Every structure is written in structure tokens, then in C-alpha cells.
Amino acid sequence: MLTLDKLNIYRRFDGNLDGWARIANGHDASGITDDDWHLIEELRQGLTLIAAGQASQAFTTSFESRLRDATADEATRQALRALR
């Protein structure tokens, strides 16, 4: 489950998984994992497709459900949408 703490770590490293892995040795207080990192990347890609108008209504509906399931709360979803 993605949280604001995990998104803050992702943002701090500008999405650079290797940079985070080298410094944090794969562990930090947020509990972020490689799987979380990849999930953030996948969700960002989906948000980009939707924002660009390149996603079908079915994809958008399915994606929004997945986004709700993968995030802890609305604040986390908004922070994820704000990542660029």
C-alpha cells in the first residue's frame, strides 16, 4: 500500500530507484520496497495516459479502482497525481 511517506522517498530521489537502493540499502523508515517503487511508476504512467486523453473509459474506470486499492488515502492519491 502506498503512503505519503513512500511517495516522499520516491520524490526525494526523483524516481531514481538505483539512487535510493545505493543510499538506503533497500531499507528506510517509510517501509518502501522495490515493488512499491515499480507500482508508483506504473500508476504514474496510467495517470499520464489518462491526462493526455489516450485512455479508454474502461481503462480509466479500472485504473481509478486500482489507484484507490493501492493507496492509503485521498491525500496519497493527490500527491501521486501531483508527481511530474
PDB file of N, CA and C in Angstrom:
ATOM      1  N   MET A   1       0.849  -1.175   0.000  1.00  0.00           N
ATOM      2  CA  MET A   1       0.000   0.000   0.000  1.00  0.00           C
ATOM      3  C   MET A   1       0.894   1.237   0.000  1.00  0.00           C
ATOM      4  N   LEU A   2       0.602   2.146  -0.907  1.00  0.00           N
ATOM      5  CA  LEU A   2       1.381   3.378  -0.997  1.00  0.00           C
ATOM      6  C   LEU A   2       0.884   4.400   0.014  1.00  0.00           C
ATOM      7  N   THR A   3       1.831   5.083   0.632  1.00  0.00           N
ATOM      8  CA  THR A   3       1.539   6.121   1.623  1.00  0.00           C
ATOM      9  C   THR A   3       2.265   7.406   1.226  1.00  0.00           C
ATOM     10  N   LEU A   4       1.926   8.489   1.911  1.00  0.00           N
ATOM     11  CA  LEU A   4       2.636   9.749   1.669  1.00  0.00           C
ATOM     12  C   LEU A   4       4.122   9.615   1.964  1.00  0.00           C
ATOM     13  N   ASP A   5       4.475   8.879   3.013  1.00  0.00           N
ATOM     14  CA  ASP A   5       5.896   8.691   3.343  1.00  0.00           C
ATOM     15  C   ASP A   5       6.643   8.031   2.190  1.00  0.00           C
ATOM     16  N   LYS A   6       6.035   7.017   1.588  1.00  0.00           N
ATOM     17  CA  LYS A   6       6.677   6.327   0.469  1.00  0.00           C
ATOM     18  C   LYS A   6       6.806   7.248  -0.739  1.00  0.00           C
ATOM     19  N   LEU A   7       5.779   8.024  -1.008  1.00  0.00           N
ATOM     20  CA  LEU A   7       5.854   8.968  -2.130  1.00  0.00           C
ATOM     21  C   LEU A   7       6.911  10.040  -1.883  1.00  0.00           C
ATOM     22  N   ASN A   8       7.070  10.447  -0.638  1.00  0.00           N
ATOM     23  CA  ASN A   8       8.100  11.441  -0.313  1.00  0.00           C
ATOM     24  C   ASN A   8       9.497  10.895  -0.571  1.00  0.00           C
ATOM     25  N   ILE A   9       9.720   9.627  -0.262  1.00  0.00           N
ATOM     26  CA  ILE A   9      11.017   8.996  -0.559  1.00  0.00           C
ATOM     27  C   ILE A   9      11.223   8.953  -2.072  1.00  0.00           C
ATOM     28  N   TYR A  10      10.208   8.515  -2.789  1.00  0.00           N
ATOM     29  CA  TYR A  10      10.279   8.461  -4.253  1.00  0.00           C
ATOM     30  C   TYR A  10      10.628   9.841  -4.818  1.00  0.00           C
ATOM     31  N   ARG A  11       9.967  10.858  -4.339  1.00  0.00           N
ATOM     32  CA  ARG A  11      10.190  12.233  -4.798  1.00  0.00           C
ATOM     33  C   ARG A  11      11.594  12.707  -4.424  1.00  0.00           C
ATOM     34  N   ARG A  12      12.028  12.370  -3.210  1.00  0.00           N
ATOM     35  CA  ARG A  12      13.355  12.810  -2.759  1.00  0.00           C
ATOM     36  C   ARG A  12      14.461  12.306  -3.687  1.00  0.00           C
ATOM     37  N   PHE A  13      14.246  11.118  -4.255  1.00  0.00           N
ATOM     38  CA  PHE A  13      15.235  10.533  -5.154  1.00  0.00           C
ATOM     39  C   PHE A  13      14.865  10.729  -6.625  1.00  0.00           C
ATOM     40  N   ASP A  14      13.912  11.614  -6.891  1.00  0.00           N
ATOM     41  CA  ASP A  14      13.475  11.904  -8.265  1.00  0.00           C
ATOM     42  C   ASP A  14      13.133  10.638  -9.046  1.00  0.00           C
ATOM     43  N   GLY A  15      12.579   9.656  -8.364  1.00  0.00           N
ATOM     44  CA  GLY A  15      12.190   8.425  -9.032  1.00  0.00           C
ATOM     45  C   GLY A  15      13.350   7.511  -9.383  1.00  0.00           C
ATOM     46  N   ASN A  16      14.549   7.817  -8.899  1.00  0.00           N
ATOM     47  CA  ASN A  16      15.738   7.036  -9.220  1.00  0.00           C
ATOM     48  C   ASN A  16      15.872   5.871  -8.242  1.00  0.00           C
ATOM     49  N   LEU A  17      15.385   4.720  -8.660  1.00  0.00           N
ATOM     50  CA  LEU A  17      15.411   3.527  -7.810  1.00  0.00           C
ATOM     51  C   LEU A  17      16.833   3.135  -7.433  1.00  0.00           C
ATOM     52  N   ASP A  18      17.755   3.210  -8.381  1.00  0.00           N
ATOM     53  CA  ASP A  18      19.140   2.841  -8.087  1.00  0.00           C
ATOM     54  C   ASP A  18      19.757   3.767  -7.048  1.00  0.00           C
ATOM     55  N   GLY A  19      19.478   5.059  -7.146  1.00  0.00           N
ATOM     56  CA  GLY A  19      19.993   6.010  -6.164  1.00  0.00           C
ATOM     57  C   GLY A  19      19.485   5.703  -4.772  1.00  0.00           C
ATOM     58  N   TRP A  20      18.203   5.405  -4.669  1.00  0.00           N
ATOM     59  CA  TRP A  20      17.623   5.047  -3.370  1.00  0.00           C
ATOM     60  C   TRP A  20      18.239   3.755  -2.844  1.00  0.00           C
ATOM     61  N   ALA A  21      18.369   2.758  -3.720  1.00  0.00           N
ATOM     62  CA  ALA A  21      18.896   1.458  -3.297  1.00  0.00           C
ATOM     63  C   ALA A  21      20.333   1.578  -2.793  1.00  0.00           C
ATOM     64  N   ARG A  22      21.131   2.417  -3.450  1.00  0.00           N
ATOM     65  CA  ARG A  22      22.524   2.582  -3.019  1.00  0.00           C
ATOM     66  C   ARG A  22      22.612   3.265  -1.658  1.00  0.00           C
ATOM     67  N   ILE A  23      21.789   4.267  -1.434  1.00  0.00           N
ATOM     68  CA  ILE A  23      21.869   5.024  -0.184  1.00  0.00           C
ATOM     69  C   ILE A  23      21.156   4.321   0.958  1.00  0.00           C
ATOM     70  N   ALA A  24      19.982   3.784   0.691  1.00  0.00           N
ATOM     71  CA  ALA A  24      19.171   3.193   1.759  1.00  0.00           C
ATOM     72  C   ALA A  24      19.394   1.696   1.904  1.00  0.00           C
ATOM     73  N   ASN A  25      20.197   1.106   1.026  1.00  0.00           N
ATOM     74  CA  ASN A  25      20.402  -0.340   1.039  1.00  0.00           C
ATOM     75  C   ASN A  25      19.078  -1.089   1.014  1.00  0.00           C
ATOM     76  N   GLY A  26      18.090  -0.504   0.346  1.00  0.00           N
ATOM     77  CA  GLY A  26      16.798  -1.155   0.213  1.00  0.00           C
ATOM     78  C   GLY A  26      15.907  -1.048   1.429  1.00  0.00           C
ATOM     79  N   HIS A  27      16.331  -0.293   2.445  1.00  0.00           N
ATOM     80  CA  HIS A  27      15.527  -0.171   3.664  1.00  0.00           C
ATOM     81  C   HIS A  27      15.535   1.273   4.146  1.00  0.00           C
ATOM     82  N   ASP A  28      14.380   1.727   4.597  1.00  0.00           N
ATOM     83  CA  ASP A  28      14.305   3.019   5.265  1.00  0.00           C
ATOM     84  C   ASP A  28      13.051   3.036   6.120  1.00  0.00           C
ATOM     85  N   ALA A  29      12.864   4.112   6.841  1.00  0.00           N
ATOM     86  CA  ALA A  29      11.765   4.187   7.808  1.00  0.00           C
ATOM     87  C   ALA A  29      10.387   4.160   7.151  1.00  0.00           C
ATOM     88  N   SER A  30      10.289   4.538   5.881  1.00  0.00           N
ATOM     89  CA  SER A  30       8.984   4.563   5.217  1.00  0.00           C
ATOM     90  C   SER A  30       8.475   3.163   4.915  1.00  0.00           C
ATOM     91  N   GLY A  31       9.387   2.200   4.844  1.00  0.00           N
ATOM     92  CA  GLY A  31       8.997   0.837   4.507  1.00  0.00           C
ATOM     93  C   GLY A  31       8.843   0.615   3.012  1.00  0.00           C
ATOM     94  N   ILE A  32       9.272   1.581   2.196  1.00  0.00           N
ATOM     95  CA  ILE A  32       9.130   1.436   0.745  1.00  0.00           C
ATOM     96  C   ILE A  32       9.972   0.268   0.250  1.00  0.00           C
ATOM     97  N   THR A  33       9.438  -0.452  -0.717  1.00  0.00           N
ATOM     98  CA  THR A  33      10.123  -1.600  -1.303  1.00  0.00           C
ATOM     99  C   THR A  33      10.297  -1.378  -2.802  1.00  0.00           C
ATOM    100  N   ASP A  34      11.060  -2.246  -3.435  1.00  0.00           N
ATOM    101  CA  ASP A  34      11.190  -2.185  -4.891  1.00  0.00           C
ATOM    102  C   ASP A  34       9.820  -2.310  -5.550  1.00  0.00           C
ATOM    103  N   ASP A  35       8.976  -3.191  -5.020  1.00  0.00           N
ATOM    104  CA  ASP A  35       7.633  -3.368  -5.583  1.00  0.00           C
ATOM    105  C   ASP A  35       6.819  -2.081  -5.479  1.00  0.00           C
ATOM    106  N   ASP A  36       6.937  -1.372  -4.350  1.00  0.00           N
ATOM    107  CA  ASP A  36       6.247  -0.085  -4.208  1.00  0.00           C
ATOM    108  C   ASP A  36       6.749   0.897  -5.263  1.00  0.00           C
ATOM    109  N   TRP A  37       8.067   0.906  -5.449  1.00  0.00           N
ATOM    110  CA  TRP A  37       8.677   1.829  -6.400  1.00  0.00           C
ATOM    111  C   TRP A  37       8.116   1.578  -7.801  1.00  0.00           C
ATOM    112  N   HIS A  38       8.053   0.299  -8.183  1.00  0.00           N
ATOM    113  CA  HIS A  38       7.529  -0.055  -9.502  1.00  0.00           C
ATOM    114  C   HIS A  38       6.039   0.272  -9.611  1.00  0.00           C
ATOM    115  N   LEU A  39       5.303   0.094  -8.527  1.00  0.00           N
ATOM    116  CA  LEU A  39       3.884   0.442  -8.520  1.00  0.00           C
ATOM    117  C   LEU A  39       3.692   1.942  -8.741  1.00  0.00           C
ATOM    118  N   ILE A  40       4.507   2.752  -8.090  1.00  0.00           N
ATOM    119  CA  ILE A  40       4.427   4.201  -8.298  1.00  0.00           C
ATOM    120  C   ILE A  40       4.660   4.523  -9.770  1.00  0.00           C
ATOM    121  N   GLU A  41       5.659   3.898 -10.371  1.00  0.00           N
ATOM    122  CA  GLU A  41       5.959   4.137 -11.790  1.00  0.00           C
ATOM    123  C   GLU A  41       4.772   3.739 -12.669  1.00  0.00           C
ATOM    124  N   GLU A  42       4.178   2.575 -12.393  1.00  0.00           N
ATOM    125  CA  GLU A  42       3.030   2.112 -13.179  1.00  0.00           C
ATOM    126  C   GLU A  42       1.843   3.058 -13.032  1.00  0.00           C
ATOM    127  N   LEU A  43       1.576   3.494 -11.815  1.00  0.00           N
ATOM    128  CA  LEU A  43       0.454   4.396 -11.586  1.00  0.00           C
ATOM    129  C   LEU A  43       0.697   5.752 -12.245  1.00  0.00           C
ATOM    130  N   ARG A  44       1.911   6.229 -12.189  1.00  0.00           N
ATOM    131  CA  ARG A  44       2.233   7.499 -12.864  1.00  0.00           C
ATOM    132  C   ARG A  44       2.015   7.376 -14.368  1.00  0.00           C
ATOM    133  N   GLN A  45       2.392   6.247 -14.933  1.00  0.00           N
ATOM    134  CA  GLN A  45       2.194   6.037 -16.365  1.00  0.00           C
ATOM    135  C   GLN A  45       0.701   6.052 -16.702  1.00  0.00           C
ATOM    136  N   GLY A  46      -0.102   5.374 -15.895  1.00  0.00           N
ATOM    137  CA  GLY A  46      -1.543   5.373 -16.119  1.00  0.00           C
ATOM    138  C   GLY A  46      -2.132   6.766 -16.016  1.00  0.00           C
ATOM    139  N   LEU A  47      -1.702   7.521 -15.017  1.00  0.00           N
ATOM    140  CA  LEU A  47      -2.187   8.894 -14.851  1.00  0.00           C
ATOM    141  C   LEU A  47      -1.811   9.764 -16.049  1.00  0.00           C
ATOM    142  N   THR A  48      -0.623   9.547 -16.584  1.00  0.00           N
ATOM    143  CA  THR A  48      -0.178  10.304 -17.755  1.00  0.00           C
ATOM    144  C   THR A  48      -1.035   9.980 -18.973  1.00  0.00           C
ATOM    145  N   LEU A  49      -1.328   8.697 -19.182  1.00  0.00           N
ATOM    146  CA  LEU A  49      -2.183   8.297 -20.306  1.00  0.00           C
ATOM    147  C   LEU A  49      -3.566   8.922 -20.200  1.00  0.00           C
ATOM    148  N   ILE A  50      -4.121   8.885 -19.005  1.00  0.00           N
ATOM    149  CA  ILE A  50      -5.455   9.449 -18.788  1.00  0.00           C
ATOM    150  C   ILE A  50      -5.438  10.957 -19.013  1.00  0.00           C
ATOM    151  N   ALA A  51      -4.447  11.641 -18.450  1.00  0.00           N
ATOM    152  CA  ALA A  51      -4.352  13.102 -18.583  1.00  0.00           C
ATOM    153  C   ALA A  51      -4.179  13.527 -20.041  1.00  0.00           C
ATOM    154  N   ALA A  52      -3.515  12.690 -20.831  1.00  0.00           N
ATOM    155  CA  ALA A  52      -3.279  13.007 -22.241  1.00  0.00           C
ATOM    156  C   ALA A  52      -4.473  12.638 -23.120  1.00  0.00           C
ATOM    157  N   GLY A  53      -5.500  12.055 -22.519  1.00  0.00           N
ATOM    158  CA  GLY A  53      -6.676  11.664 -23.288  1.00  0.00           C
ATOM    159  C   GLY A  53      -6.458  10.432 -24.141  1.00  0.00           C
ATOM    160  N   GLN A  54      -5.452   9.627 -23.796  1.00  0.00           N
ATOM    161  CA  GLN A  54      -5.114   8.447 -24.586  1.00  0.00           C
ATOM    162  C   GLN A  54      -5.647   7.153 -23.983  1.00  0.00           C
ATOM    163  N   ALA A  55      -6.489   7.257 -22.974  1.00  0.00           N
ATOM    164  CA  ALA A  55      -7.015   6.068 -22.305  1.00  0.00           C
ATOM    165  C   ALA A  55      -8.507   5.938 -22.583  1.00  0.00           C
ATOM    166  N   SER A  56      -8.946   4.707 -22.750  1.00  0.00           N
ATOM    167  CA  SER A  56     -10.374   4.461 -22.938  1.00  0.00           C
ATOM    168  C   SER A  56     -11.109   4.669 -21.618  1.00  0.00           C
ATOM    169  N   GLN A  57     -12.414   4.785 -21.706  1.00  0.00           N
ATOM    170  CA  GLN A  57     -13.226   4.922 -20.498  1.00  0.00           C
ATOM    171  C   GLN A  57     -13.090   3.679 -19.623  1.00  0.00           C
ATOM    172  N   ALA A  58     -13.033   2.502 -20.247  1.00  0.00           N
ATOM    173  CA  ALA A  58     -12.890   1.256 -19.486  1.00  0.00           C
ATOM    174  C   ALA A  58     -11.560   1.242 -18.731  1.00  0.00           C
ATOM    175  N   PHE A  59     -10.480   1.660 -19.408  1.00  0.00           N
ATOM    176  CA  PHE A  59      -9.179   1.722 -18.745  1.00  0.00           C
ATOM    177  C   PHE A  59      -9.225   2.694 -17.581  1.00  0.00           C
ATOM    178  N   THR A  60      -9.799   3.862 -17.814  1.00  0.00           N
ATOM    179  CA  THR A  60      -9.865   4.895 -16.779  1.00  0.00           C
ATOM    180  C   THR A  60     -10.631   4.403 -15.561  1.00  0.00           C
ATOM    181  N   THR A  61     -11.754   3.761 -15.777  1.00  0.00           N
ATOM    182  CA  THR A  61     -12.559   3.235 -14.672  1.00  0.00           C
ATOM    183  C   THR A  61     -11.787   2.173 -13.900  1.00  0.00           C
ATOM    184  N   SER A  62     -11.168   1.248 -14.626  1.00  0.00           N
ATOM    185  CA  SER A  62     -10.383   0.188 -13.992  1.00  0.00           C
ATOM    186  C   SER A  62      -9.189   0.775 -13.247  1.00  0.00           C
ATOM    187  N   PHE A  63      -8.544   1.749 -13.863  1.00  0.00           N
ATOM    188  CA  PHE A  63      -7.376   2.374 -13.254  1.00  0.00           C
ATOM    189  C   PHE A  63      -7.739   3.082 -11.955  1.00  0.00           C
ATOM    190  N   GLU A  64      -8.833   3.834 -11.952  1.00  0.00           N
ATOM    191  CA  GLU A  64      -9.244   4.558 -10.741  1.00  0.00           C
ATOM    192  C   GLU A  64      -9.502   3.585  -9.592  1.00  0.00           C
ATOM    193  N   SER A  65     -10.076   2.438  -9.897  1.00  0.00           N
ATOM    194  CA  SER A  65     -10.299   1.418  -8.869  1.00  0.00           C
ATOM    195  C   SER A  65      -8.963   0.895  -8.340  1.00  0.00           C
ATOM    196  N   ARG A  66      -8.040   0.620  -9.249  1.00  0.00           N
ATOM    197  CA  ARG A  66      -6.712   0.144  -8.842  1.00  0.00           C
ATOM    198  C   ARG A  66      -5.995   1.200  -8.009  1.00  0.00           C
ATOM    199  N   LEU A  67      -6.117   2.460  -8.414  1.00  0.00           N
ATOM    200  CA  LEU A  67      -5.484   3.553  -7.680  1.00  0.00           C
ATOM    201  C   LEU A  67      -6.017   3.619  -6.249  1.00  0.00           C
ATOM    202  N   ARG A  68      -7.324   3.502  -6.084  1.00  0.00           N
ATOM    203  CA  ARG A  68      -7.916   3.515  -4.734  1.00  0.00           C
ATOM    204  C   ARG A  68      -7.413   2.338  -3.898  1.00  0.00           C
ATOM    205  N   ASP A  69      -7.308   1.171  -4.530  1.00  0.00           N
ATOM    206  CA  ASP A  69      -6.862  -0.021  -3.806  1.00  0.00           C
ATOM    207  C   ASP A  69      -5.388   0.037  -3.418  1.00  0.00           C
ATOM    208  N   ALA A  70      -4.586   0.752  -4.197  1.00  0.00           N
ATOM    209  CA  ALA A  70      -3.133   0.762  -3.997  1.00  0.00           C
ATOM    210  C   ALA A  70      -2.641   1.876  -3.087  1.00  0.00           C
ATOM    211  N   THR A  71      -3.533   2.801  -2.720  1.00  0.00           N
ATOM    212  CA  THR A  71      -3.114   3.954  -1.922  1.00  0.00           C
ATOM    213  C   THR A  71      -3.846   4.002  -0.589  1.00  0.00           C
ATOM    214  N   ALA A  72      -3.180   4.576   0.395  1.00  0.00           N
ATOM    215  CA  ALA A  72      -3.713   4.589   1.759  1.00  0.00           C
ATOM    216  C   ALA A  72      -4.897   5.530   1.924  1.00  0.00           C
ATOM    217  N   ASP A  73      -4.893   6.655   1.193  1.00  0.00           N
ATOM    218  CA  ASP A  73      -5.947   7.652   1.399  1.00  0.00           C
ATOM    219  C   ASP A  73      -5.957   8.655   0.252  1.00  0.00           C
ATOM    220  N   GLU A  74      -6.915   9.579   0.307  1.00  0.00           N
ATOM    221  CA  GLU A  74      -7.060  10.580  -0.754  1.00  0.00           C
ATOM    222  C   GLU A  74      -5.834  11.491  -0.833  1.00  0.00           C
ATOM    223  N   ALA A  75      -5.233  11.816   0.294  1.00  0.00           N
ATOM    224  CA  ALA A  75      -4.037  12.667   0.281  1.00  0.00           C
ATOM    225  C   ALA A  75      -2.909  12.000  -0.506  1.00  0.00           C
ATOM    226  N   THR A  76      -2.767  10.703  -0.358  1.00  0.00           N
ATOM    227  CA  THR A  76      -1.742   9.967  -1.100  1.00  0.00           C
ATOM    228  C   THR A  76      -2.065   9.976  -2.588  1.00  0.00           C
ATOM    229  N   ARG A  77      -3.330   9.785  -2.932  1.00  0.00           N
ATOM    230  CA  ARG A  77      -3.722   9.823  -4.341  1.00  0.00           C
ATOM    231  C   ARG A  77      -3.445  11.195  -4.951  1.00  0.00           C
ATOM    232  N   GLN A  78      -3.744  12.247  -4.216  1.00  0.00           N
ATOM    233  CA  GLN A  78      -3.494  13.597  -4.723  1.00  0.00           C
ATOM    234  C   GLN A  78      -1.994  13.851  -4.886  1.00  0.00           C
ATOM    235  N   ALA A  79      -1.196  13.374  -3.953  1.00  0.00           N
ATOM    236  CA  ALA A  79       0.263  13.537  -4.056  1.00  0.00           C
ATOM    237  C   ALA A  79       0.800  12.775  -5.265  1.00  0.00           C
ATOM    238  N   LEU A  80       0.249  11.603  -5.516  1.00  0.00           N
ATOM    239  CA  LEU A  80       0.670  10.819  -6.676  1.00  0.00           C
ATOM    240  C   LEU A  80       0.293  11.540  -7.968  1.00  0.00           C
ATOM    241  N   ARG A  81      -0.894  12.102  -8.015  1.00  0.00           N
ATOM    242  CA  ARG A  81      -1.324  12.858  -9.200  1.00  0.00           C
ATOM    243  C   ARG A  81      -0.421  14.088  -9.418  1.00  0.00           C
ATOM    244  N   ALA A  82       0.105  14.651  -8.348  1.00  0.00           N
ATOM    245  CA  ALA A  82       0.935  15.859  -8.438  1.00  0.00           C
ATOM    246  C   ALA A  82       2.372  15.561  -8.873  1.00  0.00           C
ATOM    247  N   LEU A  83       2.808  14.310  -8.786  1.00  0.00           N
ATOM    248  CA  LEU A  83       4.170  13.967  -9.212  1.00  0.00           C
ATOM    249  C   LEU A  83       4.296  14.186 -10.713  1.00  0.00           C
ATOM    250  N   ARG A  84       5.322  14.839 -11.127  1.00  0.00           N
ATOM    251  CA  ARG A  84       5.562  15.068 -12.566  1.00  0.00           C
ATOM    252  C   ARG A  84       6.953  14.668 -12.918  1.00  0.00           C
TER     253      ARG A  84
END
